[in-house]
């Protein structure tokens, strides 16, 4: 069961860098629901969109799967013969809980897509032929110098009729836009019960590990990786999701 997120509710003499450990895994559903505007809509519609691009005899990847919310959405919506979902994360705590959630989902519903849950570094993972790859708030935690090579690897593995579904926190080229959307995001977190101290301490924890890009940078990098079309399909404040076609 998920607990309420109080990880930053007490003052910390030194805020450590954010890591996806057992403490985070325990509260993650509450944390992300209260921190990422539009998250349930993004997750549900990744499954809907994926169903339009899934091809027989291919893999559907959820890279950086955390607790497997996207994988569950893929299983609910994709009905395509001879496909398999592979959920990958490098956090032991996340993968253990993800595996439990997938097993519970399998016991509740019949005829779901088969799924394999793997603990691995997606940068070193050899990708099988795939028709859908989801990077749902994952790329922003990858070393910026390694993002292009990862996207090139994904592009090489993608079926010509497949798609990359990429969700990210974004920054804005205009300082006025950046300030406005950042302020609105903070207001969203306040409205969801986070205190000023929690907001500030979590921001400090993330500043060295989550490097965000603008829509323009994402589009340019995806095109450099070989994608011919990059379409934003969702944005809420400073969070967006894209469909990139090979």
Protein backbone atom coordinates (compact mmCIF):
# COMPACT_ATOMS: atom_id res chain seq x y z
CA UNK A 1 0.00 0.00 0.00
CA UNK A 2 1.15 3.53 -0.76
CA UNK A 3 1.69 5.92 2.11
CA UNK A 4 1.30 9.69 2.11
CA UNK A 5 4.42 11.59 1.14
CA UNK A 6 6.01 13.28 4.16
CA UNK A 7 9.64 12.75 3.09
CA UNK A 8 10.50 16.44 3.22
CA UNK A 9 8.11 17.48 5.98
CA UNK A 10 10.85 17.85 8.60
CA UNK A 11 13.72 20.35 8.34
CA UNK A 12 16.96 18.79 7.11
CA UNK A 13 20.37 20.27 7.96
CA UNK A 14 21.62 19.16 4.55
CA UNK A 15 19.25 17.99 1.83
CA UNK A 16 20.69 14.95 0.08
CA UNK A 17 20.31 14.36 -3.64
CA UNK A 18 17.04 12.66 -4.57
CA UNK A 19 17.28 8.89 -5.13
CA UNK A 20 14.60 6.33 -5.93
CA UNK A 21 15.08 4.26 -2.78
CA UNK A 22 12.66 2.33 -0.58
CA UNK A 23 11.48 5.50 1.15
CA UNK A 24 10.51 7.04 -2.17
CA UNK A 25 8.99 3.81 -3.51
CA UNK A 26 6.77 3.58 -0.44
CA UNK A 27 5.18 7.00 -1.05
CA UNK A 28 5.68 7.33 -4.81
CA UNK A 29 2.03 7.11 -5.97
CA UNK A 30 1.04 9.89 -3.56
CA UNK A 31 4.16 11.92 -4.36
CA UNK A 32 3.72 11.92 -8.10
CA UNK A 33 -0.04 12.50 -7.99
CA UNK A 34 0.49 15.60 -5.82
CA UNK A 35 3.59 16.82 -7.69
CA UNK A 36 2.92 16.25 -11.41
CA UNK A 37 -0.17 17.99 -12.78
CA UNK A 38 -2.02 15.83 -15.26
CA UNK A 39 -0.14 12.65 -14.35
CA UNK A 40 -3.18 10.31 -14.35
CA UNK A 41 -4.27 11.70 -17.73
CA UNK A 42 -0.79 11.19 -19.18
CA UNK A 43 -0.51 7.62 -17.93
CA UNK A 44 -3.96 6.54 -19.08
CA UNK A 45 -3.57 8.06 -22.52
CA UNK A 46 -0.12 6.59 -23.08
CA UNK A 47 -1.98 3.29 -23.15
CA UNK A 48 -4.59 4.69 -25.55
CA UNK A 49 -1.92 6.12 -27.86
CA UNK A 50 0.22 2.99 -27.68
CA UNK A 51 -2.71 0.92 -28.93
CA UNK A 52 -2.58 2.91 -32.18
CA UNK A 53 1.08 2.03 -32.81
CA UNK A 54 1.59 -1.46 -31.35
CA UNK A 55 2.65 -3.99 -34.00
CA UNK A 56 2.55 -7.80 -33.87
CA UNK A 57 5.74 -9.64 -32.93
CA UNK A 58 7.29 -6.63 -31.20
CA UNK A 59 8.05 -5.47 -27.68
CA UNK A 60 6.43 -2.56 -25.85
CA UNK A 61 8.99 -0.94 -23.54
CA UNK A 62 8.34 1.03 -20.37
CA UNK A 63 11.82 2.42 -19.73
CA UNK A 64 12.27 3.90 -16.29
CA UNK A 65 9.05 2.20 -15.24
CA UNK A 66 9.18 3.05 -11.50
CA UNK A 67 6.14 1.26 -10.04
CA UNK A 68 4.76 0.34 -13.45
CA UNK A 69 1.83 2.73 -13.89
CA UNK A 70 2.52 3.04 -17.63
CA UNK A 71 2.97 -0.72 -17.96
CA UNK A 72 -0.43 -1.26 -16.36
CA UNK A 73 -1.95 1.24 -18.79
CA UNK A 74 -0.33 -0.55 -21.74
CA UNK A 75 -1.77 -3.84 -20.52
CA UNK A 76 -5.25 -2.35 -20.23
CA UNK A 77 -5.35 -0.74 -23.66
CA UNK A 78 -3.11 -2.64 -26.07
CA UNK A 79 -4.67 -5.62 -27.77
CA UNK A 80 -2.19 -6.79 -30.36
CA UNK A 81 -1.14 -10.34 -31.13
CA UNK A 82 2.32 -11.60 -30.21
CA UNK A 83 3.46 -8.57 -28.27
CA UNK A 84 5.10 -8.39 -24.85
CA UNK A 85 5.65 -5.53 -22.43
CA UNK A 86 9.08 -5.13 -20.86
CA UNK A 87 9.26 -2.80 -17.84
CA UNK A 88 12.77 -1.65 -16.90
CA UNK A 89 14.13 0.39 -13.99
CA UNK A 90 17.49 0.60 -12.23
CA UNK A 91 15.97 1.00 -8.75
CA UNK A 92 15.72 -2.25 -6.79
CA UNK A 93 13.02 -0.82 -4.55
CA UNK A 94 10.90 0.30 -7.50
CA UNK A 95 11.32 -2.95 -9.42
CA UNK A 96 10.34 -5.11 -6.46
CA UNK A 97 7.11 -3.21 -5.96
CA UNK A 98 6.47 -3.02 -9.71
CA UNK A 99 6.71 -6.80 -9.95
CA UNK A 100 4.22 -7.14 -7.10
CA UNK A 101 1.78 -4.74 -8.77
CA UNK A 102 2.02 -6.55 -12.11
CA UNK A 103 1.34 -9.89 -10.44
CA UNK A 104 -1.69 -8.42 -8.69
CA UNK A 105 -2.98 -6.98 -11.97
CA UNK A 106 -2.49 -10.34 -13.69
CA UNK A 107 -4.56 -12.07 -11.01
CA UNK A 108 -7.43 -9.59 -11.44
CA UNK A 109 -7.76 -9.50 -15.23
CA UNK A 110 -7.72 -12.14 -17.92
CA UNK A 111 -6.01 -11.97 -21.31
CA UNK A 112 -3.59 -9.21 -20.39
CA UNK A 113 -0.46 -8.62 -22.39
CA UNK A 114 2.43 -10.67 -20.97
CA UNK A 115 4.95 -8.58 -19.08
CA UNK A 116 8.57 -8.95 -17.99
CA UNK A 117 9.92 -6.74 -15.21
CA UNK A 118 13.68 -6.15 -15.34
CA UNK A 119 16.12 -4.35 -13.07
CA UNK A 120 18.68 -2.80 -15.41
CA UNK A 121 20.32 0.41 -16.58
CA UNK A 122 18.46 1.47 -19.72
CA UNK A 123 21.65 3.07 -21.07
CA UNK A 124 23.32 -0.33 -21.33
CA UNK A 125 20.23 -2.38 -22.18
CA UNK A 126 20.12 -4.07 -25.57
CA UNK A 127 16.69 -3.30 -27.02
CA UNK A 128 14.65 -5.88 -28.88
CA UNK A 129 12.59 -4.88 -31.94
CA UNK A 130 9.91 -2.60 -30.48
CA UNK A 131 6.82 -0.81 -31.72
CA UNK A 132 6.19 1.34 -28.62
CA UNK A 133 8.76 2.81 -26.24
CA UNK A 134 7.59 4.89 -23.27
CA UNK A 135 9.97 7.22 -21.46
CA UNK A 136 7.62 8.66 -18.86
CA UNK A 137 9.52 11.27 -16.83
CA UNK A 138 12.71 9.24 -17.27
CA UNK A 139 14.93 11.14 -19.72
CA UNK A 140 15.16 14.10 -17.32
CA UNK A 141 17.11 11.89 -14.88
CA UNK A 142 19.60 10.75 -17.55
CA UNK A 143 22.96 12.50 -17.91
CA UNK A 144 22.31 15.16 -20.60
CA UNK A 145 25.43 14.02 -22.45
CA UNK A 146 23.94 10.52 -22.80
CA UNK A 147 20.42 11.40 -23.87
CA UNK A 148 21.07 11.57 -27.61
CA UNK A 149 22.74 8.16 -27.73
CA UNK A 150 19.82 6.63 -25.80
CA UNK A 151 17.31 8.14 -28.22
CA UNK A 152 19.33 6.91 -31.19
CA UNK A 153 19.29 3.41 -29.72
CA UNK A 154 15.53 3.61 -29.26
CA UNK A 155 15.05 4.89 -32.80
CA UNK A 156 17.12 2.01 -34.18
CA UNK A 157 14.96 -0.52 -32.31
CA UNK A 158 11.61 1.00 -33.34
CA UNK A 159 9.31 -0.50 -35.94
CA UNK A 160 8.73 1.91 -38.87
CA UNK A 161 5.08 2.21 -37.76
CA UNK A 162 5.94 2.47 -34.07
CA UNK A 163 6.27 5.42 -31.71
CA UNK A 164 8.25 6.83 -28.83
CA UNK A 165 6.05 8.32 -26.10
CA UNK A 166 8.07 10.83 -24.11
CA UNK A 167 6.88 12.74 -21.03
CA UNK A 168 9.05 15.35 -19.32
CA UNK A 169 9.05 18.35 -17.05
CA UNK A 170 9.97 21.23 -19.34
CA UNK A 171 11.53 24.66 -19.13
CA UNK A 172 10.69 27.65 -21.29
CA UNK A 173 12.89 29.82 -23.48
CA UNK A 174 11.02 32.93 -22.35
CA UNK A 175 11.90 33.93 -18.79
CA UNK A 176 8.40 35.35 -18.34
CA UNK A 177 6.86 32.04 -19.37
CA UNK A 178 9.28 30.13 -17.16
CA UNK A 179 8.41 32.25 -14.13
CA UNK A 180 4.67 32.04 -14.73
CA UNK A 181 4.55 28.27 -15.26
CA UNK A 182 6.93 27.59 -12.38
CA UNK A 183 4.77 29.70 -10.06
CA UNK A 184 1.65 27.87 -11.21
CA UNK A 185 3.32 24.53 -10.54
CA UNK A 186 4.23 25.64 -7.02
CA UNK A 187 0.61 26.73 -6.51
CA UNK A 188 -0.48 23.26 -7.67
CA UNK A 189 1.74 21.63 -5.04
CA UNK A 190 0.48 23.98 -2.33
CA UNK A 191 -3.09 23.12 -3.30
CA UNK A 192 -2.20 19.45 -2.86
CA UNK A 193 -1.06 19.99 0.72
CA UNK A 194 2.70 20.47 0.43
CA UNK A 195 4.20 23.07 2.75
CA UNK A 196 6.68 25.73 1.67
CA UNK A 197 9.43 23.77 3.43
CA UNK A 198 8.53 20.53 1.66
CA UNK A 199 8.50 22.29 -1.71
CA UNK A 200 11.85 23.99 -1.07
CA UNK A 201 13.62 20.91 0.28
CA UNK A 202 12.43 18.67 -2.53
CA UNK A 203 13.56 21.28 -5.06
CA UNK A 204 17.01 21.21 -3.44
CA UNK A 205 17.07 17.40 -3.55
CA UNK A 206 16.26 17.38 -7.28
CA UNK A 207 18.39 20.25 -8.56
CA UNK A 208 21.51 18.11 -9.14
CA UNK A 209 19.76 15.00 -10.48
CA UNK A 210 16.90 16.25 -12.68
CA UNK A 211 18.06 18.37 -15.63
CA UNK A 212 15.11 19.64 -17.68
CA UNK A 213 14.99 20.83 -21.28
CA UNK A 214 12.70 23.03 -23.35
CA UNK A 215 10.31 21.69 -25.95
CA UNK A 216 12.63 23.14 -28.60
CA UNK A 217 15.63 21.21 -27.23
CA UNK A 218 13.61 18.00 -27.04
CA UNK A 219 12.42 18.40 -30.62
CA UNK A 220 15.90 19.16 -31.95
CA UNK A 221 17.45 16.20 -30.11
CA UNK A 222 14.75 13.79 -31.24
CA UNK A 223 15.18 14.90 -34.84
CA UNK A 224 18.94 14.47 -34.53
CA UNK A 225 18.31 10.95 -33.23
CA UNK A 226 16.38 10.19 -36.43
CA UNK A 227 12.76 10.87 -35.53
CA UNK A 228 10.85 12.54 -38.36
CA UNK A 229 7.88 13.83 -36.39
CA UNK A 230 7.66 15.21 -32.83
CA UNK A 231 4.18 16.19 -31.69
CA UNK A 232 3.26 17.48 -28.22
CA UNK A 233 -0.08 15.88 -27.34
CA UNK A 234 -0.41 17.11 -23.74
CA UNK A 235 0.78 19.97 -21.57
CA UNK A 236 -0.24 21.03 -18.08
CA UNK A 237 1.82 23.87 -16.60
CA UNK A 238 5.48 22.84 -17.02
CA UNK A 239 4.86 19.19 -17.81
CA UNK A 240 4.40 17.84 -21.32
CA UNK A 241 4.13 14.61 -23.28
CA UNK A 242 5.13 13.99 -26.90
CA UNK A 243 4.61 11.43 -29.64
CA UNK A 244 7.79 10.97 -31.69
CA UNK A 245 7.59 8.93 -34.89
CA UNK A 246 10.57 7.25 -36.61
